N, C-alpha and C. Protein backbone atom coordinates (compact mmCIF):
# COMPACT_ATOMS: atom_id res chain seq x y z
N MET A 1 -28.02 141.13 129.16
CA MET A 1 -26.96 141.79 129.86
C MET A 1 -27.42 142.16 131.26
N THR A 2 -26.54 142.00 132.20
CA THR A 2 -26.82 142.32 133.59
C THR A 2 -26.22 143.67 133.94
N LEU A 3 -27.02 144.52 134.57
CA LEU A 3 -26.53 145.82 135.04
C LEU A 3 -25.74 145.60 136.31
N ARG A 4 -24.50 146.05 136.33
CA ARG A 4 -23.63 145.86 137.48
C ARG A 4 -23.48 147.17 138.25
N LYS A 5 -23.02 147.03 139.49
CA LYS A 5 -22.87 148.19 140.35
C LYS A 5 -21.96 149.24 139.73
N ILE A 6 -20.88 148.84 139.12
CA ILE A 6 -19.95 149.79 138.51
C ILE A 6 -20.61 150.57 137.38
N GLN A 7 -21.53 149.93 136.67
CA GLN A 7 -22.25 150.63 135.61
C GLN A 7 -23.20 151.68 136.18
N ILE A 8 -23.79 151.38 137.33
CA ILE A 8 -24.64 152.37 138.00
C ILE A 8 -23.80 153.56 138.44
N VAL A 9 -22.62 153.28 138.99
CA VAL A 9 -21.71 154.35 139.42
C VAL A 9 -21.34 155.23 138.23
N LYS A 10 -20.98 154.61 137.12
CA LYS A 10 -20.60 155.37 135.92
C LYS A 10 -21.77 156.20 135.41
N SER A 11 -22.97 155.65 135.46
CA SER A 11 -24.15 156.36 134.99
C SER A 11 -24.42 157.59 135.87
N ILE A 12 -24.30 157.44 137.17
CA ILE A 12 -24.47 158.58 138.09
C ILE A 12 -23.39 159.63 137.80
N HIS A 13 -22.17 159.18 137.62
CA HIS A 13 -21.06 160.09 137.31
C HIS A 13 -21.34 160.87 136.03
N ASN A 14 -21.82 160.19 134.98
CA ASN A 14 -22.06 160.84 133.70
C ASN A 14 -23.31 161.72 133.70
N GLN A 15 -24.38 161.28 134.34
CA GLN A 15 -25.64 162.02 134.28
C GLN A 15 -25.70 163.19 135.26
N ILE A 16 -25.15 163.01 136.45
CA ILE A 16 -25.24 164.04 137.48
C ILE A 16 -23.95 164.86 137.55
N GLY A 17 -22.85 164.24 137.19
CA GLY A 17 -21.58 164.94 137.22
C GLY A 17 -20.84 164.83 138.54
N LEU A 18 -21.30 163.93 139.41
CA LEU A 18 -20.57 163.70 140.66
C LEU A 18 -19.23 163.05 140.35
N PRO A 19 -18.20 163.34 141.14
CA PRO A 19 -16.94 162.62 140.95
C PRO A 19 -17.18 161.12 141.18
N LYS A 20 -16.34 160.28 140.56
CA LYS A 20 -16.54 158.83 140.65
C LYS A 20 -16.51 158.33 142.09
N ASN A 21 -15.63 158.90 142.92
CA ASN A 21 -15.57 158.42 144.30
C ASN A 21 -16.86 158.77 145.05
N LYS A 22 -17.46 159.93 144.78
CA LYS A 22 -18.73 160.30 145.42
C LYS A 22 -19.88 159.46 144.87
N SER A 23 -19.83 159.17 143.58
CA SER A 23 -20.85 158.31 142.98
C SER A 23 -20.80 156.92 143.59
N THR A 24 -19.60 156.39 143.77
CA THR A 24 -19.42 155.08 144.39
C THR A 24 -19.93 155.10 145.83
N GLU A 25 -19.59 156.14 146.55
CA GLU A 25 -20.03 156.28 147.95
C GLU A 25 -21.55 156.35 148.03
N THR A 26 -22.18 157.05 147.11
CA THR A 26 -23.64 157.17 147.08
C THR A 26 -24.30 155.81 146.86
N VAL A 27 -23.80 155.08 145.88
CA VAL A 27 -24.37 153.76 145.58
C VAL A 27 -24.15 152.81 146.76
N GLU A 28 -22.96 152.80 147.33
CA GLU A 28 -22.66 151.93 148.48
C GLU A 28 -23.56 152.27 149.67
N THR A 29 -23.78 153.57 149.92
CA THR A 29 -24.63 153.99 151.02
C THR A 29 -26.07 153.54 150.80
N LEU A 30 -26.56 153.70 149.58
CA LEU A 30 -27.93 153.26 149.26
C LEU A 30 -28.08 151.76 149.47
N ILE A 31 -27.12 150.99 149.02
CA ILE A 31 -27.18 149.53 149.18
C ILE A 31 -27.16 149.15 150.66
N GLU A 32 -26.34 149.81 151.46
CA GLU A 32 -26.29 149.53 152.90
C GLU A 32 -27.61 149.86 153.58
N ILE A 33 -28.24 150.97 153.19
CA ILE A 33 -29.55 151.33 153.76
C ILE A 33 -30.57 150.26 153.42
N ILE A 34 -30.58 149.80 152.18
CA ILE A 34 -31.51 148.76 151.75
C ILE A 34 -31.27 147.47 152.53
N LYS A 35 -30.00 147.06 152.67
CA LYS A 35 -29.69 145.82 153.39
C LYS A 35 -30.12 145.91 154.85
N LYS A 36 -29.82 147.02 155.52
CA LYS A 36 -30.18 147.18 156.94
C LYS A 36 -31.69 147.17 157.13
N THR A 37 -32.39 147.85 156.23
CA THR A 37 -33.85 147.91 156.33
C THR A 37 -34.47 146.53 156.16
N LEU A 38 -34.03 145.79 155.16
CA LEU A 38 -34.56 144.44 154.92
C LEU A 38 -34.17 143.50 156.06
N ALA A 39 -32.95 143.61 156.57
CA ALA A 39 -32.51 142.75 157.67
C ALA A 39 -33.35 142.98 158.92
N SER A 40 -33.85 144.20 159.10
CA SER A 40 -34.68 144.50 160.27
C SER A 40 -36.13 144.02 160.06
N GLY A 41 -36.44 143.52 158.86
CA GLY A 41 -37.77 142.98 158.60
C GLY A 41 -38.73 143.98 157.99
N GLU A 42 -38.25 145.19 157.70
CA GLU A 42 -39.11 146.21 157.11
C GLU A 42 -39.12 146.10 155.59
N ASP A 43 -40.24 146.51 154.99
CA ASP A 43 -40.36 146.52 153.54
C ASP A 43 -39.80 147.84 153.00
N ILE A 44 -39.47 147.85 151.72
CA ILE A 44 -38.97 149.05 151.06
C ILE A 44 -39.86 149.32 149.85
N LEU A 45 -40.45 150.51 149.81
CA LEU A 45 -41.29 150.92 148.70
C LEU A 45 -40.61 152.06 147.97
N ILE A 46 -40.32 151.86 146.70
CA ILE A 46 -39.74 152.90 145.86
C ILE A 46 -40.79 153.27 144.82
N SER A 47 -41.33 154.47 144.93
CA SER A 47 -42.42 154.90 144.05
C SER A 47 -42.04 154.75 142.59
N ASN A 48 -42.99 154.30 141.80
CA ASN A 48 -42.85 154.08 140.35
C ASN A 48 -41.80 153.03 140.00
N PHE A 49 -41.32 152.29 140.99
CA PHE A 49 -40.35 151.22 140.72
C PHE A 49 -40.88 149.90 141.25
N GLY A 50 -41.10 149.81 142.56
CA GLY A 50 -41.63 148.58 143.13
C GLY A 50 -41.44 148.50 144.62
N LYS A 51 -41.72 147.31 145.15
CA LYS A 51 -41.67 147.10 146.59
C LYS A 51 -40.89 145.82 146.90
N PHE A 52 -39.90 145.95 147.78
CA PHE A 52 -39.16 144.80 148.29
C PHE A 52 -39.82 144.41 149.60
N CYS A 53 -40.21 143.15 149.72
CA CYS A 53 -40.90 142.68 150.93
C CYS A 53 -40.12 141.53 151.55
N VAL A 54 -40.10 141.51 152.88
CA VAL A 54 -39.50 140.41 153.61
C VAL A 54 -40.64 139.47 153.99
N ARG A 55 -40.52 138.22 153.60
CA ARG A 55 -41.54 137.20 153.88
C ARG A 55 -40.91 136.07 154.68
N GLY A 56 -41.70 135.51 155.56
CA GLY A 56 -41.25 134.36 156.34
C GLY A 56 -41.69 133.06 155.68
N LYS A 57 -40.79 132.10 155.64
CA LYS A 57 -41.13 130.76 155.15
C LYS A 57 -41.10 129.82 156.35
N LYS A 58 -42.09 128.97 156.43
CA LYS A 58 -42.19 128.02 157.54
C LYS A 58 -41.25 126.84 157.32
N GLU A 59 -41.05 126.08 158.37
CA GLU A 59 -40.29 124.84 158.26
C GLU A 59 -41.04 123.92 157.28
N ARG A 60 -40.28 123.21 156.45
CA ARG A 60 -40.93 122.33 155.48
C ARG A 60 -40.04 121.16 155.14
N LYS A 61 -40.67 120.14 154.56
CA LYS A 61 -39.91 118.96 154.14
C LYS A 61 -39.13 119.28 152.89
N GLY A 62 -37.94 118.71 152.81
CA GLY A 62 -37.11 118.88 151.62
C GLY A 62 -36.39 117.59 151.32
N ARG A 63 -35.57 117.61 150.31
CA ARG A 63 -34.82 116.42 149.91
C ARG A 63 -33.43 116.85 149.49
N ASN A 64 -32.43 116.10 149.96
CA ASN A 64 -31.05 116.33 149.54
C ASN A 64 -30.92 115.82 148.11
N PRO A 65 -30.63 116.70 147.15
CA PRO A 65 -30.57 116.24 145.75
C PRO A 65 -29.42 115.28 145.47
N ALA A 66 -28.36 115.35 146.27
CA ALA A 66 -27.21 114.46 146.03
C ALA A 66 -27.49 113.04 146.51
N THR A 67 -28.14 112.91 147.67
CA THR A 67 -28.36 111.58 148.25
C THR A 67 -29.79 111.10 148.16
N GLY A 68 -30.73 112.04 147.97
CA GLY A 68 -32.14 111.68 147.93
C GLY A 68 -32.75 111.53 149.30
N ASP A 69 -31.98 111.80 150.38
CA ASP A 69 -32.50 111.69 151.74
C ASP A 69 -33.49 112.82 152.04
N ASP A 70 -34.55 112.47 152.78
CA ASP A 70 -35.50 113.47 153.24
C ASP A 70 -34.89 114.24 154.40
N LEU A 71 -35.25 115.54 154.50
CA LEU A 71 -34.80 116.35 155.62
C LEU A 71 -35.79 117.48 155.84
N MET A 72 -35.66 118.15 156.98
CA MET A 72 -36.52 119.28 157.30
C MET A 72 -35.71 120.56 157.06
N LEU A 73 -36.29 121.46 156.28
CA LEU A 73 -35.66 122.75 156.02
C LEU A 73 -36.08 123.72 157.10
N GLU A 74 -35.13 124.46 157.62
CA GLU A 74 -35.38 125.41 158.71
C GLU A 74 -36.26 126.56 158.23
N PRO A 75 -37.02 127.17 159.16
CA PRO A 75 -37.75 128.38 158.78
C PRO A 75 -36.75 129.47 158.40
N ARG A 76 -37.13 130.33 157.47
CA ARG A 76 -36.22 131.38 157.03
C ARG A 76 -37.01 132.56 156.49
N ARG A 77 -36.29 133.65 156.28
CA ARG A 77 -36.91 134.84 155.68
C ARG A 77 -36.33 135.01 154.28
N VAL A 78 -37.17 135.44 153.36
CA VAL A 78 -36.75 135.68 151.98
C VAL A 78 -37.22 137.07 151.56
N VAL A 79 -36.54 137.62 150.58
CA VAL A 79 -36.92 138.93 150.03
C VAL A 79 -37.60 138.70 148.70
N THR A 80 -38.76 139.31 148.53
CA THR A 80 -39.48 139.25 147.26
C THR A 80 -39.57 140.66 146.69
N PHE A 81 -39.77 140.75 145.39
CA PHE A 81 -39.92 142.05 144.74
C PHE A 81 -41.16 142.04 143.90
N ARG A 82 -41.95 143.09 144.03
CA ARG A 82 -43.14 143.24 143.21
C ARG A 82 -43.02 144.60 142.51
N CYS A 83 -42.96 144.58 141.18
CA CYS A 83 -42.76 145.83 140.46
C CYS A 83 -44.05 146.65 140.42
N SER A 84 -43.90 147.95 140.27
CA SER A 84 -45.04 148.84 140.20
C SER A 84 -45.72 148.70 138.84
N GLY A 85 -46.93 149.20 138.76
CA GLY A 85 -47.66 149.17 137.49
C GLY A 85 -46.95 149.96 136.41
N ARG A 86 -46.38 151.11 136.79
CA ARG A 86 -45.66 151.93 135.80
C ARG A 86 -44.43 151.21 135.27
N LEU A 87 -43.68 150.54 136.14
CA LEU A 87 -42.51 149.80 135.69
C LEU A 87 -42.94 148.63 134.81
N ARG A 88 -44.00 147.95 135.19
CA ARG A 88 -44.50 146.83 134.39
C ARG A 88 -44.91 147.31 132.99
N ASP A 89 -45.59 148.46 132.95
CA ASP A 89 -46.01 149.01 131.64
C ASP A 89 -44.80 149.38 130.80
N LYS A 90 -43.78 149.97 131.42
CA LYS A 90 -42.58 150.36 130.68
C LYS A 90 -41.84 149.14 130.15
N ILE A 91 -41.76 148.08 130.96
CA ILE A 91 -41.10 146.86 130.53
C ILE A 91 -41.85 146.23 129.35
N ASN A 92 -43.16 146.23 129.42
CA ASN A 92 -43.97 145.58 128.39
C ASN A 92 -44.16 146.43 127.15
N SER A 93 -43.83 147.73 127.20
CA SER A 93 -44.02 148.59 126.02
C SER A 93 -42.86 148.46 125.05
N ASN A 94 -41.75 147.90 125.48
CA ASN A 94 -40.57 147.76 124.61
C ASN A 94 -40.59 146.47 123.85
């Protein structure tokens, strides 16, 4: 099962008691902060959870899967996630 944004909103509403509109606003604000930070090239470290890192990929050779033609893939940035030791232990203890 995949955890969806609406489920996070409902969980905040139930656990903290914020109204649903405030819970939605909180989640949306957090997501916007994360997107802006990553877009600026900065990493995000959330203690006891993990680290989101922006990495650069160089130009490289690729292949069009439909035609089989060779092509050059443009350089780009990707986001990677590395979980913390505590999160890894919690995942593996279940």
